[in-house]
Amino acid sequence: MARLRIDGLAHAVAAHVSAEAAHRALLDELRLKPLLDLGMRLGETSGVAVAVLILRAAVACHTGMATFAEAAVSGKL
């Protein structure tokens, strides 16, 4: 896909980079920056399983956070 269209992977995210050198080289070639670099060598879906949990936690934190008005924060010290 990346060779067919320059923007073919614009929507793609690399969940992690494997400890295997070829995986890092592939991501560099595809110009994808991995979300995680944990030195894992556990297979194709191990990194995405961890990354999805982190992304879900971030979304829950963001959507559950009160606004300054809701928290009655005036901004004055």
N, C-alpha and C. Protein backbone atom coordinates (compact mmCIF):
# COMPACT_ATOMS: atom_id res chain seq x y z
N MET A 1 0.82 -1.19 0.00
CA MET A 1 0.00 0.00 0.00
C MET A 1 0.86 1.25 0.00
N ALA A 2 1.91 1.27 0.79
CA ALA A 2 2.77 2.45 0.88
C ALA A 2 3.46 2.75 -0.44
N ARG A 3 3.73 1.74 -1.22
CA ARG A 3 4.38 1.96 -2.52
C ARG A 3 3.38 2.35 -3.60
N LEU A 4 2.12 2.02 -3.42
CA LEU A 4 1.10 2.38 -4.41
C LEU A 4 0.69 3.84 -4.28
N ARG A 5 0.57 4.30 -3.04
CA ARG A 5 0.18 5.70 -2.78
C ARG A 5 1.01 6.21 -1.61
N ILE A 6 1.55 7.40 -1.75
CA ILE A 6 2.39 7.97 -0.70
C ILE A 6 1.61 8.14 0.61
N ASP A 7 0.31 8.40 0.50
CA ASP A 7 -0.52 8.59 1.69
C ASP A 7 -1.30 7.34 2.06
N GLY A 8 -0.91 6.21 1.50
CA GLY A 8 -1.63 4.96 1.71
C GLY A 8 -1.67 4.49 3.15
N LEU A 9 -0.69 4.89 3.95
CA LEU A 9 -0.66 4.50 5.36
C LEU A 9 -0.86 5.69 6.29
N ALA A 10 -1.41 6.77 5.78
CA ALA A 10 -1.60 7.97 6.60
C ALA A 10 -2.49 7.71 7.80
N HIS A 11 -3.37 6.74 7.70
CA HIS A 11 -4.29 6.42 8.79
C HIS A 11 -3.73 5.33 9.72
N ALA A 12 -2.59 4.77 9.37
CA ALA A 12 -2.05 3.62 10.11
C ALA A 12 -1.22 4.06 11.31
N VAL A 13 -1.25 3.23 12.34
CA VAL A 13 -0.45 3.44 13.54
C VAL A 13 0.30 2.16 13.84
N ALA A 14 1.57 2.27 14.13
CA ALA A 14 2.36 1.11 14.56
C ALA A 14 2.22 1.00 16.07
N ALA A 15 1.66 -0.09 16.54
CA ALA A 15 1.43 -0.25 17.97
C ALA A 15 2.75 -0.40 18.73
N HIS A 16 3.66 -1.18 18.18
CA HIS A 16 4.94 -1.38 18.85
C HIS A 16 6.01 -1.74 17.83
N VAL A 17 7.24 -1.71 18.28
CA VAL A 17 8.35 -2.17 17.46
C VAL A 17 8.96 -3.37 18.16
N SER A 18 9.18 -4.40 17.41
CA SER A 18 9.78 -5.62 17.93
C SER A 18 11.26 -5.40 18.22
N ALA A 19 11.82 -6.23 19.04
CA ALA A 19 13.26 -6.19 19.30
C ALA A 19 14.04 -6.66 18.08
N GLU A 20 13.37 -7.28 17.13
CA GLU A 20 14.02 -7.75 15.92
C GLU A 20 14.38 -6.55 15.04
N ALA A 21 15.63 -6.50 14.57
CA ALA A 21 16.12 -5.35 13.79
C ALA A 21 15.32 -5.12 12.51
N ALA A 22 14.88 -6.18 11.88
CA ALA A 22 14.13 -6.04 10.63
C ALA A 22 12.82 -5.30 10.84
N HIS A 23 12.21 -5.46 11.99
CA HIS A 23 10.93 -4.77 12.25
C HIS A 23 11.15 -3.27 12.34
N ARG A 24 12.19 -2.85 13.03
CA ARG A 24 12.50 -1.42 13.12
C ARG A 24 12.80 -0.86 11.73
N ALA A 25 13.55 -1.61 10.93
CA ALA A 25 13.88 -1.17 9.57
C ALA A 25 12.61 -1.02 8.73
N LEU A 26 11.68 -1.95 8.88
CA LEU A 26 10.42 -1.87 8.15
C LEU A 26 9.63 -0.64 8.55
N LEU A 27 9.52 -0.39 9.85
CA LEU A 27 8.77 0.79 10.30
C LEU A 27 9.45 2.08 9.82
N ASP A 28 10.77 2.11 9.81
CA ASP A 28 11.49 3.28 9.29
C ASP A 28 11.17 3.48 7.82
N GLU A 29 11.18 2.39 7.06
CA GLU A 29 10.87 2.47 5.62
C GLU A 29 9.45 2.96 5.39
N LEU A 30 8.53 2.54 6.23
CA LEU A 30 7.12 2.95 6.11
C LEU A 30 6.84 4.30 6.75
N ARG A 31 7.86 4.86 7.40
CA ARG A 31 7.74 6.15 8.10
C ARG A 31 6.68 6.11 9.19
N LEU A 32 6.65 5.00 9.92
CA LEU A 32 5.72 4.85 11.03
C LEU A 32 6.49 4.86 12.35
N LYS A 33 6.06 5.68 13.28
CA LYS A 33 6.67 5.74 14.60
C LYS A 33 5.83 4.88 15.54
N PRO A 34 6.42 3.88 16.17
CA PRO A 34 5.64 3.00 17.04
C PRO A 34 5.21 3.70 18.33
N LEU A 35 4.05 3.33 18.83
CA LEU A 35 3.59 3.87 20.11
C LEU A 35 4.44 3.34 21.26
N LEU A 36 4.85 2.08 21.16
CA LEU A 36 5.61 1.43 22.23
C LEU A 36 6.89 0.81 21.72
N ASP A 37 7.92 0.83 22.55
CA ASP A 37 9.16 0.13 22.28
C ASP A 37 9.57 -0.55 23.58
N LEU A 38 9.06 -1.74 23.79
CA LEU A 38 9.27 -2.47 25.04
C LEU A 38 10.24 -3.63 24.89
N GLY A 39 10.88 -3.72 23.75
CA GLY A 39 11.85 -4.78 23.54
C GLY A 39 11.24 -6.17 23.47
N MET A 40 9.98 -6.26 23.13
CA MET A 40 9.29 -7.55 23.11
C MET A 40 9.60 -8.32 21.83
N ARG A 41 9.63 -9.64 21.95
CA ARG A 41 9.78 -10.55 20.81
C ARG A 41 8.71 -11.63 20.93
N LEU A 42 7.48 -11.22 21.12
CA LEU A 42 6.44 -12.18 21.48
C LEU A 42 5.45 -12.47 20.37
N GLY A 43 5.64 -11.96 19.20
CA GLY A 43 4.69 -12.23 18.14
C GLY A 43 4.00 -10.98 17.65
N GLU A 44 3.18 -11.17 16.64
CA GLU A 44 2.61 -10.05 15.92
C GLU A 44 1.61 -9.22 16.72
N THR A 45 0.88 -9.82 17.62
CA THR A 45 -0.19 -9.06 18.28
C THR A 45 0.08 -8.71 19.73
N SER A 46 1.20 -9.07 20.26
CA SER A 46 1.47 -8.78 21.67
C SER A 46 1.56 -7.28 21.93
N GLY A 47 2.24 -6.55 21.06
CA GLY A 47 2.37 -5.11 21.25
C GLY A 47 1.05 -4.38 21.10
N VAL A 48 0.24 -4.79 20.15
CA VAL A 48 -1.05 -4.12 19.96
C VAL A 48 -1.98 -4.37 21.15
N ALA A 49 -1.87 -5.52 21.77
CA ALA A 49 -2.71 -5.80 22.95
C ALA A 49 -2.39 -4.82 24.07
N VAL A 50 -1.12 -4.52 24.25
CA VAL A 50 -0.70 -3.55 25.28
C VAL A 50 -1.09 -2.14 24.86
N ALA A 51 -0.83 -1.79 23.60
CA ALA A 51 -1.11 -0.44 23.12
C ALA A 51 -2.60 -0.10 23.19
N VAL A 52 -3.46 -1.05 22.87
CA VAL A 52 -4.90 -0.81 22.92
C VAL A 52 -5.34 -0.48 24.34
N LEU A 53 -4.81 -1.18 25.31
CA LEU A 53 -5.17 -0.90 26.71
C LEU A 53 -4.71 0.50 27.12
N ILE A 54 -3.53 0.90 26.68
CA ILE A 54 -3.04 2.24 27.00
C ILE A 54 -3.90 3.30 26.33
N LEU A 55 -4.25 3.09 25.06
CA LEU A 55 -5.10 4.06 24.36
C LEU A 55 -6.49 4.15 24.98
N ARG A 56 -7.05 3.01 25.37
CA ARG A 56 -8.37 3.03 26.03
C ARG A 56 -8.30 3.79 27.35
N ALA A 57 -7.23 3.60 28.12
CA ALA A 57 -7.07 4.32 29.38
C ALA A 57 -6.94 5.83 29.14
N ALA A 58 -6.21 6.21 28.09
CA ALA A 58 -6.07 7.63 27.77
C ALA A 58 -7.40 8.25 27.37
N VAL A 59 -8.18 7.54 26.57
CA VAL A 59 -9.50 8.05 26.15
C VAL A 59 -10.42 8.17 27.36
N ALA A 60 -10.42 7.17 28.24
CA ALA A 60 -11.26 7.21 29.44
C ALA A 60 -10.87 8.38 30.34
N CYS A 61 -9.59 8.63 30.47
CA CYS A 61 -9.11 9.75 31.28
C CYS A 61 -9.55 11.08 30.66
N HIS A 62 -9.39 11.18 29.35
CA HIS A 62 -9.74 12.42 28.65
C HIS A 62 -11.25 12.70 28.70
N THR A 63 -12.05 11.69 28.43
CA THR A 63 -13.50 11.91 28.38
C THR A 63 -14.11 12.02 29.77
N GLY A 64 -13.45 11.48 30.78
CA GLY A 64 -13.99 11.52 32.13
C GLY A 64 -13.51 12.71 32.96
N MET A 65 -12.61 13.49 32.40
CA MET A 65 -12.04 14.61 33.14
C MET A 65 -12.99 15.80 33.14
N ALA A 66 -13.12 16.42 34.28
CA ALA A 66 -13.99 17.60 34.41
C ALA A 66 -13.35 18.80 33.73
N THR A 67 -14.19 19.69 33.25
CA THR A 67 -13.68 20.96 32.71
C THR A 67 -13.32 21.86 33.89
N PHE A 68 -12.64 22.97 33.62
CA PHE A 68 -12.32 23.91 34.70
C PHE A 68 -13.60 24.43 35.35
N ALA A 69 -14.63 24.71 34.53
CA ALA A 69 -15.90 25.20 35.07
C ALA A 69 -16.57 24.16 35.95
N GLU A 70 -16.60 22.91 35.48
CA GLU A 70 -17.22 21.84 36.26
C GLU A 70 -16.48 21.59 37.58
N ALA A 71 -15.18 21.79 37.58
CA ALA A 71 -14.39 21.57 38.78
C ALA A 71 -14.29 22.84 39.64
N ALA A 72 -14.94 23.89 39.20
CA ALA A 72 -14.93 25.17 39.90
C ALA A 72 -13.52 25.71 40.08
N VAL A 73 -12.72 25.61 39.03
CA VAL A 73 -11.35 26.13 39.04
C VAL A 73 -11.40 27.50 38.38
N SER A 74 -10.94 28.51 39.12
CA SER A 74 -11.01 29.88 38.60
C SER A 74 -9.81 30.27 37.79
N GLY A 75 -8.70 29.56 37.95
CA GLY A 75 -7.48 29.93 37.24
C GLY A 75 -6.66 30.95 37.98
N LYS A 76 -7.14 31.46 39.08
CA LYS A 76 -6.39 32.46 39.88
C LYS A 76 -5.74 31.75 41.05
N LEU A 77 -4.50 32.14 41.31
CA LEU A 77 -3.76 31.54 42.45
C LEU A 77 -3.90 32.38 43.68
